[in-house]
Amino acid sequence: MIRFAPTFCAALIAAPLWAAELNDRYEQIGTLQFTRGGETLDLVIPYDTERDRAYAEQKVFMGSYLTINVLGRSVDETGKPGSPMVQVTLQKRSGEMAFLTAELFDEQGYSAPLSMGPDGGKGTLTSFEMTDDNAVSATIEGEMLRLQDYTGEPKVAEGATPEPVTISFSAQLAPLED
């Protein structure tokens, strides 16, 4: 964990130097802010026009569970979505929108993200709003834990300590498909 903090801070400091705007293949449909330890990572939520794929979407599962999934990405020097990236999933249950999971995928890769939810730390949806035209905004507060073997049988990494975080996003979602 000691090695991670300087690397993360260095990436945050360097971000403005290599950050670029999305290239013509992508449109920005939202933003996501990830705050940890007093440092904020500003990410974009893209829409891939070539593949007709949004990085934020809403779906209804089993006819009654509205689920919103958002993926905030950094932008690399070529204008493509890159890493680090933060994924957030919310789900409406019993009439209330609730927080399910969030992960920060950083230089430790897909198998060792920081996680909040069933496999990691605890989190709470502290604000949520969705308008009739599918503009959504939310804030999640809690703590994340570093996982290991996330792509297999995830478990908290040995020596991992809870890290307080706040995640806020806003995005324009496509309407639900009939």
N, C-alpha and C. Protein backbone atom coordinates (compact mmCIF):
# COMPACT_ATOMS: atom_id res chain seq x y z
N MET A 1 0.82 -1.19 0.00
CA MET A 1 0.00 0.00 0.00
C MET A 1 0.86 1.25 0.00
N ILE A 2 2.04 1.18 0.62
CA ILE A 2 2.91 2.34 0.69
C ILE A 2 3.36 2.74 -0.71
N ARG A 3 3.65 1.79 -1.58
CA ARG A 3 4.05 2.10 -2.95
C ARG A 3 2.93 2.71 -3.74
N PHE A 4 1.69 2.32 -3.43
CA PHE A 4 0.55 2.78 -4.22
C PHE A 4 0.31 4.28 -4.07
N ALA A 5 0.36 4.81 -2.86
CA ALA A 5 0.03 6.21 -2.61
C ALA A 5 0.90 7.16 -3.43
N PRO A 6 2.24 7.01 -3.44
CA PRO A 6 3.06 7.91 -4.26
C PRO A 6 2.76 7.77 -5.75
N THR A 7 2.52 6.56 -6.21
CA THR A 7 2.20 6.35 -7.62
C THR A 7 0.90 7.02 -7.99
N PHE A 8 -0.12 6.86 -7.12
CA PHE A 8 -1.42 7.48 -7.37
C PHE A 8 -1.29 8.99 -7.39
N CYS A 9 -0.58 9.54 -6.41
CA CYS A 9 -0.39 11.00 -6.34
C CYS A 9 0.37 11.49 -7.56
N ALA A 10 1.40 10.76 -7.97
CA ALA A 10 2.16 11.15 -9.16
C ALA A 10 1.27 11.14 -10.40
N ALA A 11 0.40 10.16 -10.50
CA ALA A 11 -0.52 10.09 -11.64
C ALA A 11 -1.48 11.27 -11.63
N LEU A 12 -1.95 11.64 -10.45
CA LEU A 12 -2.85 12.79 -10.36
C LEU A 12 -2.15 14.08 -10.74
N ILE A 13 -0.91 14.24 -10.29
CA ILE A 13 -0.15 15.44 -10.62
C ILE A 13 0.17 15.47 -12.10
N ALA A 14 0.51 14.33 -12.68
CA ALA A 14 0.88 14.27 -14.09
C ALA A 14 -0.32 14.33 -15.01
N ALA A 15 -1.50 14.02 -14.50
CA ALA A 15 -2.69 13.94 -15.35
C ALA A 15 -2.89 15.16 -16.23
N PRO A 16 -2.79 16.39 -15.71
CA PRO A 16 -2.99 17.53 -16.58
C PRO A 16 -1.97 17.61 -17.71
N LEU A 17 -0.76 17.03 -17.51
CA LEU A 17 0.26 17.09 -18.54
C LEU A 17 -0.04 16.17 -19.71
N TRP A 18 -0.65 14.99 -19.44
CA TRP A 18 -0.92 14.06 -20.53
C TRP A 18 -2.39 13.96 -20.88
N ALA A 19 -3.24 14.59 -20.08
CA ALA A 19 -4.68 14.53 -20.35
C ALA A 19 -4.97 15.17 -21.69
N ALA A 20 -5.86 14.59 -22.38
CA ALA A 20 -6.24 15.10 -23.69
C ALA A 20 -7.76 15.08 -23.78
N GLU A 21 -8.26 15.70 -24.81
CA GLU A 21 -9.69 15.62 -25.04
C GLU A 21 -9.99 14.36 -25.83
N LEU A 22 -11.22 13.88 -25.69
CA LEU A 22 -11.62 12.71 -26.47
C LEU A 22 -11.48 12.99 -27.95
N ASN A 23 -11.02 11.99 -28.71
CA ASN A 23 -10.90 12.17 -30.15
C ASN A 23 -12.29 12.10 -30.81
N ASP A 24 -12.35 12.27 -32.11
CA ASP A 24 -13.62 12.38 -32.83
C ASP A 24 -14.49 11.12 -32.75
N ARG A 25 -13.91 10.00 -32.41
CA ARG A 25 -14.68 8.76 -32.30
C ARG A 25 -15.62 8.79 -31.08
N TYR A 26 -15.29 9.62 -30.08
CA TYR A 26 -16.03 9.62 -28.81
C TYR A 26 -16.70 10.96 -28.56
N GLU A 27 -17.81 10.89 -27.85
CA GLU A 27 -18.48 12.07 -27.33
C GLU A 27 -18.52 11.94 -25.82
N GLN A 28 -18.43 13.06 -25.13
CA GLN A 28 -18.53 13.03 -23.67
C GLN A 28 -19.99 13.16 -23.28
N ILE A 29 -20.50 12.17 -22.50
CA ILE A 29 -21.90 12.20 -22.06
C ILE A 29 -22.01 12.43 -20.55
N GLY A 30 -20.84 12.61 -19.91
CA GLY A 30 -20.87 12.87 -18.47
C GLY A 30 -19.48 12.99 -17.89
N THR A 31 -19.47 13.23 -16.58
CA THR A 31 -18.21 13.34 -15.84
C THR A 31 -18.32 12.53 -14.55
N LEU A 32 -17.16 12.12 -14.03
CA LEU A 32 -17.10 11.40 -12.77
C LEU A 32 -15.90 11.92 -12.00
N GLN A 33 -16.12 12.23 -10.73
CA GLN A 33 -15.03 12.65 -9.85
C GLN A 33 -14.83 11.60 -8.76
N PHE A 34 -13.58 11.22 -8.57
CA PHE A 34 -13.20 10.25 -7.56
C PHE A 34 -12.25 10.96 -6.61
N THR A 35 -12.66 11.09 -5.34
CA THR A 35 -11.82 11.79 -4.36
C THR A 35 -11.37 10.81 -3.29
N ARG A 36 -10.07 10.82 -3.05
CA ARG A 36 -9.46 9.93 -2.06
C ARG A 36 -8.25 10.65 -1.47
N GLY A 37 -8.21 10.69 -0.14
CA GLY A 37 -7.06 11.29 0.52
C GLY A 37 -6.82 12.74 0.13
N GLY A 38 -7.87 13.49 -0.12
CA GLY A 38 -7.72 14.89 -0.47
C GLY A 38 -7.37 15.15 -1.93
N GLU A 39 -7.16 14.10 -2.71
CA GLU A 39 -6.85 14.22 -4.14
C GLU A 39 -8.08 13.83 -4.95
N THR A 40 -8.32 14.58 -6.03
CA THR A 40 -9.48 14.29 -6.88
C THR A 40 -9.02 13.91 -8.27
N LEU A 41 -9.61 12.84 -8.76
CA LEU A 41 -9.37 12.36 -10.12
C LEU A 41 -10.60 12.70 -10.93
N ASP A 42 -10.46 13.55 -11.95
CA ASP A 42 -11.57 13.94 -12.82
C ASP A 42 -11.56 13.06 -14.06
N LEU A 43 -12.65 12.34 -14.28
CA LEU A 43 -12.77 11.42 -15.40
C LEU A 43 -13.93 11.81 -16.30
N VAL A 44 -13.92 11.30 -17.53
CA VAL A 44 -15.03 11.53 -18.46
C VAL A 44 -15.83 10.24 -18.61
N ILE A 45 -17.09 10.40 -18.95
CA ILE A 45 -17.94 9.26 -19.29
C ILE A 45 -18.20 9.37 -20.78
N PRO A 46 -17.55 8.52 -21.59
CA PRO A 46 -17.65 8.65 -23.03
C PRO A 46 -18.80 7.85 -23.66
N TYR A 47 -19.05 8.21 -24.90
CA TYR A 47 -19.93 7.46 -25.79
C TYR A 47 -19.12 7.15 -27.03
N ASP A 48 -19.00 5.88 -27.39
CA ASP A 48 -18.23 5.45 -28.55
C ASP A 48 -19.16 5.49 -29.77
N THR A 49 -18.98 6.47 -30.65
CA THR A 49 -19.87 6.64 -31.80
C THR A 49 -19.67 5.53 -32.84
N GLU A 50 -18.45 4.98 -32.91
CA GLU A 50 -18.17 3.91 -33.87
C GLU A 50 -18.89 2.62 -33.50
N ARG A 51 -18.92 2.30 -32.24
CA ARG A 51 -19.55 1.06 -31.77
C ARG A 51 -20.94 1.29 -31.20
N ASP A 52 -21.40 2.52 -31.23
CA ASP A 52 -22.72 2.87 -30.66
C ASP A 52 -22.84 2.32 -29.24
N ARG A 53 -21.84 2.67 -28.40
CA ARG A 53 -21.77 2.12 -27.04
C ARG A 53 -21.52 3.25 -26.04
N ALA A 54 -22.43 3.36 -25.10
CA ALA A 54 -22.28 4.35 -24.04
C ALA A 54 -21.58 3.73 -22.84
N TYR A 55 -20.78 4.53 -22.16
CA TYR A 55 -20.11 4.08 -20.94
C TYR A 55 -20.96 4.40 -19.71
N ALA A 56 -22.21 4.76 -19.95
CA ALA A 56 -23.21 4.94 -18.88
C ALA A 56 -24.52 4.47 -19.47
N GLU A 57 -25.22 3.59 -18.74
CA GLU A 57 -26.47 3.06 -19.28
C GLU A 57 -27.42 2.69 -18.16
N GLN A 58 -28.68 2.58 -18.53
CA GLN A 58 -29.70 2.10 -17.62
C GLN A 58 -30.38 0.90 -18.27
N LYS A 59 -30.66 -0.09 -17.46
CA LYS A 59 -31.35 -1.29 -17.94
C LYS A 59 -32.30 -1.76 -16.85
N VAL A 60 -33.34 -2.47 -17.26
CA VAL A 60 -34.25 -3.08 -16.30
C VAL A 60 -34.02 -4.58 -16.36
N PHE A 61 -33.67 -5.15 -15.21
CA PHE A 61 -33.45 -6.59 -15.11
C PHE A 61 -34.65 -7.25 -14.48
N MET A 62 -35.00 -8.41 -14.98
CA MET A 62 -36.09 -9.23 -14.46
C MET A 62 -37.39 -8.43 -14.34
N GLY A 63 -37.55 -7.47 -15.22
CA GLY A 63 -38.79 -6.72 -15.28
C GLY A 63 -39.03 -5.71 -14.18
N SER A 64 -38.15 -5.64 -13.17
CA SER A 64 -38.45 -4.71 -12.09
C SER A 64 -37.25 -4.04 -11.43
N TYR A 65 -36.02 -4.36 -11.80
CA TYR A 65 -34.85 -3.78 -11.16
C TYR A 65 -34.14 -2.83 -12.11
N LEU A 66 -34.39 -1.54 -11.95
CA LEU A 66 -33.69 -0.54 -12.76
C LEU A 66 -32.24 -0.49 -12.28
N THR A 67 -31.30 -0.72 -13.18
CA THR A 67 -29.88 -0.71 -12.85
C THR A 67 -29.18 0.33 -13.70
N ILE A 68 -28.37 1.14 -13.05
CA ILE A 68 -27.57 2.16 -13.73
C ILE A 68 -26.11 1.80 -13.54
N ASN A 69 -25.38 1.71 -14.65
CA ASN A 69 -23.96 1.41 -14.61
C ASN A 69 -23.21 2.54 -15.31
N VAL A 70 -22.17 3.05 -14.65
CA VAL A 70 -21.41 4.19 -15.16
C VAL A 70 -19.93 3.83 -15.10
N LEU A 71 -19.20 4.18 -16.16
CA LEU A 71 -17.76 3.94 -16.21
C LEU A 71 -17.06 5.24 -16.58
N GLY A 72 -16.39 5.85 -15.59
CA GLY A 72 -15.60 7.05 -15.83
C GLY A 72 -14.19 6.66 -16.22
N ARG A 73 -13.66 7.31 -17.25
CA ARG A 73 -12.33 6.95 -17.77
C ARG A 73 -11.46 8.19 -17.88
N SER A 74 -10.18 7.99 -17.70
CA SER A 74 -9.23 9.05 -18.04
C SER A 74 -9.14 9.06 -19.57
N VAL A 75 -8.50 10.07 -20.11
CA VAL A 75 -8.32 10.17 -21.56
C VAL A 75 -6.82 10.15 -21.84
N ASP A 76 -6.38 9.22 -22.70
CA ASP A 76 -4.95 9.14 -22.98
C ASP A 76 -4.53 10.19 -24.00
N GLU A 77 -3.26 10.22 -24.32
CA GLU A 77 -2.72 11.25 -25.22
C GLU A 77 -3.26 11.15 -26.64
N THR A 78 -3.87 10.02 -27.03
CA THR A 78 -4.44 9.89 -28.37
C THR A 78 -5.93 10.23 -28.39
N GLY A 79 -6.49 10.56 -27.22
CA GLY A 79 -7.91 10.90 -27.14
C GLY A 79 -8.81 9.71 -26.92
N LYS A 80 -8.23 8.55 -26.59
CA LYS A 80 -9.02 7.35 -26.31
C LYS A 80 -9.24 7.21 -24.80
N PRO A 81 -10.36 6.58 -24.40
CA PRO A 81 -10.56 6.29 -22.98
C PRO A 81 -9.45 5.39 -22.47
N GLY A 82 -8.89 5.74 -21.31
CA GLY A 82 -7.78 4.98 -20.76
C GLY A 82 -7.96 4.67 -19.28
N SER A 83 -6.84 4.40 -18.62
CA SER A 83 -6.84 4.11 -17.19
C SER A 83 -6.08 5.21 -16.49
N PRO A 84 -6.43 5.50 -15.26
CA PRO A 84 -7.33 4.80 -14.38
C PRO A 84 -8.79 4.98 -14.79
N MET A 85 -9.63 4.09 -14.26
CA MET A 85 -11.07 4.18 -14.53
C MET A 85 -11.83 3.75 -13.28
N VAL A 86 -13.04 4.30 -13.16
CA VAL A 86 -13.90 4.01 -12.01
C VAL A 86 -15.25 3.56 -12.53
N GLN A 87 -15.71 2.41 -12.02
CA GLN A 87 -17.03 1.88 -12.39
C GLN A 87 -17.94 1.94 -11.17
N VAL A 88 -19.19 2.38 -11.39
CA VAL A 88 -20.19 2.47 -10.34
C VAL A 88 -21.47 1.81 -10.82
N THR A 89 -22.10 1.02 -9.95
CA THR A 89 -23.39 0.40 -10.27
C THR A 89 -24.39 0.73 -9.16
N LEU A 90 -25.57 1.21 -9.59
CA LEU A 90 -26.68 1.51 -8.70
C LEU A 90 -27.86 0.65 -9.13
N GLN A 91 -28.77 0.36 -8.20
CA GLN A 91 -29.96 -0.42 -8.55
C GLN A 91 -31.14 0.04 -7.72
N LYS A 92 -32.28 0.15 -8.39
CA LYS A 92 -33.52 0.56 -7.72
C LYS A 92 -34.21 -0.68 -7.19
N ARG A 93 -34.36 -0.69 -5.85
CA ARG A 93 -35.03 -1.80 -5.19
C ARG A 93 -36.09 -1.22 -4.26
N SER A 94 -37.23 -1.82 -4.21
CA SER A 94 -38.30 -1.38 -3.31
C SER A 94 -38.57 0.11 -3.42
N GLY A 95 -38.52 0.63 -4.63
CA GLY A 95 -38.83 2.04 -4.87
C GLY A 95 -37.69 3.00 -4.63
N GLU A 96 -36.60 2.57 -4.02
CA GLU A 96 -35.46 3.44 -3.71
C GLU A 96 -34.23 3.03 -4.52
N MET A 97 -33.52 4.02 -5.06
CA MET A 97 -32.25 3.72 -5.72
C MET A 97 -31.23 3.43 -4.62
N ALA A 98 -30.38 2.42 -4.84
CA ALA A 98 -29.39 2.02 -3.84
C ALA A 98 -28.05 1.80 -4.51
N PHE A 99 -27.00 1.94 -3.74
CA PHE A 99 -25.65 1.68 -4.20
C PHE A 99 -25.38 0.17 -4.18
N LEU A 100 -24.76 -0.34 -5.25
CA LEU A 100 -24.36 -1.76 -5.30
C LEU A 100 -22.85 -1.92 -5.20
N THR A 101 -22.11 -1.38 -6.18
CA THR A 101 -20.66 -1.57 -6.21
C THR A 101 -19.96 -0.38 -6.84
N ALA A 102 -18.69 -0.25 -6.52
CA ALA A 102 -17.79 0.70 -7.19
C ALA A 102 -16.39 0.12 -7.16
N GLU A 103 -15.65 0.33 -8.23
CA GLU A 103 -14.28 -0.15 -8.32
C GLU A 103 -13.42 0.92 -8.98
N LEU A 104 -12.20 1.08 -8.46
CA LEU A 104 -11.18 1.90 -9.10
C LEU A 104 -10.16 0.93 -9.69
N PHE A 105 -10.03 0.95 -11.01
CA PHE A 105 -9.03 0.14 -11.70
C PHE A 105 -7.88 1.08 -12.03
N ASP A 106 -6.74 0.84 -11.38
CA ASP A 106 -5.59 1.72 -11.53
C ASP A 106 -4.41 0.92 -12.07
N GLU A 107 -3.20 1.35 -11.73
CA GLU A 107 -2.00 0.68 -12.26
C GLU A 107 -1.86 -0.75 -11.77
N GLN A 108 -2.64 -1.16 -10.78
CA GLN A 108 -2.56 -2.55 -10.31
C GLN A 108 -3.42 -3.49 -11.15
N GLY A 109 -4.12 -2.96 -12.13
CA GLY A 109 -4.83 -3.78 -13.10
C GLY A 109 -6.19 -4.30 -12.65
N TYR A 110 -6.76 -5.13 -13.50
CA TYR A 110 -8.11 -5.64 -13.27
C TYR A 110 -8.19 -6.64 -12.12
N SER A 111 -7.11 -7.30 -11.79
CA SER A 111 -7.19 -8.32 -10.75
C SER A 111 -7.04 -7.76 -9.34
N ALA A 112 -6.70 -6.44 -9.20
CA ALA A 112 -6.48 -5.88 -7.86
C ALA A 112 -7.03 -4.46 -7.75
N PRO A 113 -8.33 -4.26 -8.00
CA PRO A 113 -8.88 -2.91 -7.88
C PRO A 113 -9.12 -2.52 -6.42
N LEU A 114 -9.32 -1.23 -6.22
CA LEU A 114 -9.92 -0.78 -4.96
C LEU A 114 -11.41 -1.01 -5.15
N SER A 115 -12.09 -1.53 -4.12
CA SER A 115 -13.48 -1.90 -4.28
C SER A 115 -14.33 -1.45 -3.10
N MET A 116 -15.57 -1.10 -3.43
CA MET A 116 -16.59 -0.78 -2.44
C MET A 116 -17.82 -1.58 -2.83
N GLY A 117 -18.39 -2.29 -1.88
CA GLY A 117 -19.55 -3.13 -2.16
C GLY A 117 -19.36 -4.49 -1.52
N PRO A 118 -20.04 -5.50 -2.03
CA PRO A 118 -20.02 -6.82 -1.39
C PRO A 118 -18.62 -7.41 -1.20
N ASP A 119 -17.69 -7.15 -2.13
CA ASP A 119 -16.35 -7.72 -2.04
C ASP A 119 -15.37 -6.83 -1.31
N GLY A 120 -15.71 -5.53 -1.14
CA GLY A 120 -14.75 -4.59 -0.57
C GLY A 120 -15.31 -3.82 0.61
N GLY A 121 -15.04 -2.51 0.61
CA GLY A 121 -15.48 -1.66 1.70
C GLY A 121 -16.96 -1.32 1.61
N LYS A 122 -17.44 -0.61 2.61
CA LYS A 122 -18.85 -0.22 2.68
C LYS A 122 -19.05 1.14 2.03
N GLY A 123 -20.19 1.30 1.36
CA GLY A 123 -20.51 2.57 0.71
C GLY A 123 -21.98 2.89 0.82
N THR A 124 -22.30 4.18 0.72
CA THR A 124 -23.68 4.64 0.82
C THR A 124 -23.97 5.64 -0.30
N LEU A 125 -25.10 5.51 -0.91
CA LEU A 125 -25.57 6.48 -1.89
C LEU A 125 -26.12 7.67 -1.10
N THR A 126 -25.41 8.80 -1.13
CA THR A 126 -25.81 9.95 -0.32
C THR A 126 -26.67 10.95 -1.09
N SER A 127 -26.62 10.91 -2.42
CA SER A 127 -27.53 11.73 -3.21
C SER A 127 -27.77 11.06 -4.55
N PHE A 128 -28.98 11.24 -5.05
CA PHE A 128 -29.34 10.66 -6.34
C PHE A 128 -30.45 11.50 -6.94
N GLU A 129 -30.32 11.79 -8.23
CA GLU A 129 -31.37 12.49 -8.95
C GLU A 129 -31.39 12.01 -10.39
N MET A 130 -32.58 11.78 -10.90
CA MET A 130 -32.73 11.42 -12.31
C MET A 130 -33.94 12.16 -12.84
N THR A 131 -33.73 12.91 -13.91
CA THR A 131 -34.80 13.72 -14.49
C THR A 131 -35.59 12.91 -15.51
N ASP A 132 -36.70 13.47 -15.94
CA ASP A 132 -37.55 12.81 -16.94
C ASP A 132 -36.82 12.60 -18.27
N ASP A 133 -35.81 13.43 -18.55
CA ASP A 133 -35.07 13.26 -19.80
C ASP A 133 -33.78 12.44 -19.61
N ASN A 134 -33.72 11.65 -18.52
CA ASN A 134 -32.65 10.67 -18.26
C ASN A 134 -31.29 11.28 -17.91
N ALA A 135 -31.28 12.50 -17.40
CA ALA A 135 -30.04 13.07 -16.85
C ALA A 135 -29.94 12.56 -15.42
N VAL A 136 -28.83 11.92 -15.10
CA VAL A 136 -28.66 11.32 -13.78
C VAL A 136 -27.44 11.92 -13.09
N SER A 137 -27.56 12.09 -11.79
CA SER A 137 -26.41 12.51 -10.98
C SER A 137 -26.50 11.79 -9.64
N ALA A 138 -25.33 11.47 -9.09
CA ALA A 138 -25.29 10.72 -7.83
C ALA A 138 -23.98 10.98 -7.11
N THR A 139 -24.01 10.76 -5.80
CA THR A 139 -22.80 10.80 -4.98
C THR A 139 -22.81 9.58 -4.06
N ILE A 140 -21.66 8.93 -3.99
CA ILE A 140 -21.48 7.77 -3.13
C ILE A 140 -20.33 8.09 -2.19
N GLU A 141 -20.52 7.81 -0.91
CA GLU A 141 -19.46 8.01 0.08
C GLU A 141 -19.22 6.70 0.82
N GLY A 142 -17.98 6.45 1.16
CA GLY A 142 -17.66 5.25 1.91
C GLY A 142 -16.18 5.00 1.92
N GLU A 143 -15.83 3.72 2.01
CA GLU A 143 -14.42 3.36 2.00
C GLU A 143 -14.20 2.16 1.09
N MET A 144 -13.05 2.20 0.44
CA MET A 144 -12.69 1.12 -0.47
C MET A 144 -11.56 0.29 0.14
N LEU A 145 -11.53 -0.97 -0.27
CA LEU A 145 -10.46 -1.88 0.12
C LEU A 145 -9.81 -2.43 -1.15
N ARG A 146 -8.50 -2.63 -1.09
CA ARG A 146 -7.79 -3.25 -2.21
C ARG A 146 -8.13 -4.73 -2.22
N LEU A 147 -8.49 -5.24 -3.39
CA LEU A 147 -8.80 -6.66 -3.55
C LEU A 147 -7.65 -7.36 -4.24
N GLN A 148 -7.69 -8.68 -4.18
CA GLN A 148 -6.79 -9.52 -4.98
C GLN A 148 -7.62 -10.61 -5.61
N ASP A 149 -7.15 -11.08 -6.76
CA ASP A 149 -7.85 -12.14 -7.50
C ASP A 149 -9.28 -11.75 -7.86
N TYR A 150 -9.47 -10.47 -8.23
CA TYR A 150 -10.80 -9.95 -8.54
C TYR A 150 -11.44 -10.69 -9.72
N THR A 151 -10.65 -11.10 -10.68
CA THR A 151 -11.19 -11.78 -11.85
C THR A 151 -11.46 -13.26 -11.59
N GLY A 152 -11.05 -13.77 -10.44
CA GLY A 152 -11.29 -15.16 -10.07
C GLY A 152 -12.23 -15.22 -8.88
N GLU A 153 -11.65 -15.41 -7.71
CA GLU A 153 -12.41 -15.44 -6.46
C GLU A 153 -11.95 -14.25 -5.61
N PRO A 154 -12.61 -13.09 -5.78
CA PRO A 154 -12.12 -11.88 -5.11
C PRO A 154 -12.11 -12.00 -3.59
N LYS A 155 -11.04 -11.43 -3.02
CA LYS A 155 -10.93 -11.34 -1.57
C LYS A 155 -10.10 -10.10 -1.26
N VAL A 156 -10.24 -9.59 -0.05
CA VAL A 156 -9.49 -8.42 0.37
C VAL A 156 -8.01 -8.79 0.42
N ALA A 157 -7.17 -7.93 -0.16
CA ALA A 157 -5.73 -8.18 -0.19
C ALA A 157 -5.16 -8.13 1.23
N GLU A 158 -4.16 -8.96 1.46
CA GLU A 158 -3.52 -9.00 2.78
C GLU A 158 -2.94 -7.62 3.10
N GLY A 159 -3.24 -7.14 4.30
CA GLY A 159 -2.74 -5.85 4.75
C GLY A 159 -3.51 -4.64 4.23
N ALA A 160 -4.58 -4.87 3.48
CA ALA A 160 -5.37 -3.75 2.94
C ALA A 160 -6.05 -2.99 4.09
N THR A 161 -6.04 -1.68 4.00
CA THR A 161 -6.72 -0.85 4.99
C THR A 161 -7.79 -0.03 4.29
N PRO A 162 -8.90 0.24 4.96
CA PRO A 162 -9.98 1.03 4.34
C PRO A 162 -9.49 2.42 3.95
N GLU A 163 -9.88 2.85 2.76
CA GLU A 163 -9.52 4.17 2.25
C GLU A 163 -10.81 4.95 2.01
N PRO A 164 -11.03 6.06 2.75
CA PRO A 164 -12.24 6.87 2.56
C PRO A 164 -12.26 7.50 1.16
N VAL A 165 -13.41 7.41 0.49
CA VAL A 165 -13.56 7.97 -0.85
C VAL A 165 -14.95 8.61 -1.01
N THR A 166 -15.01 9.52 -1.96
CA THR A 166 -16.28 10.08 -2.42
C THR A 166 -16.27 9.99 -3.93
N ILE A 167 -17.35 9.50 -4.49
CA ILE A 167 -17.49 9.39 -5.95
C ILE A 167 -18.75 10.15 -6.33
N SER A 168 -18.60 11.09 -7.26
CA SER A 168 -19.76 11.85 -7.76
C SER A 168 -19.75 11.76 -9.28
N PHE A 169 -20.92 11.59 -9.86
CA PHE A 169 -21.00 11.58 -11.31
C PHE A 169 -22.29 12.22 -11.80
N SER A 170 -22.24 12.66 -13.04
CA SER A 170 -23.45 13.11 -13.74
C SER A 170 -23.31 12.67 -15.18
N ALA A 171 -24.41 12.21 -15.76
CA ALA A 171 -24.37 11.70 -17.12
C ALA A 171 -25.75 11.80 -17.76
N GLN A 172 -25.74 11.83 -19.07
CA GLN A 172 -26.97 11.80 -19.85
C GLN A 172 -27.14 10.38 -20.37
N LEU A 173 -28.15 9.68 -19.87
CA LEU A 173 -28.40 8.28 -20.27
C LEU A 173 -29.35 8.23 -21.46
N ALA A 174 -29.20 7.20 -22.26
CA ALA A 174 -30.17 6.94 -23.32
C ALA A 174 -31.46 6.45 -22.66
N PRO A 175 -32.60 6.70 -23.29
CA PRO A 175 -33.86 6.19 -22.71
C PRO A 175 -33.85 4.68 -22.67
N LEU A 176 -34.67 4.14 -21.76
CA LEU A 176 -34.82 2.69 -21.69
C LEU A 176 -35.42 2.17 -22.98
N GLU A 177 -34.93 1.02 -23.44
CA GLU A 177 -35.50 0.40 -24.64
C GLU A 177 -36.78 -0.32 -24.28
N ASP A 178 -37.76 -0.24 -25.15
CA ASP A 178 -39.03 -0.93 -24.91
C ASP A 178 -38.95 -2.38 -25.28
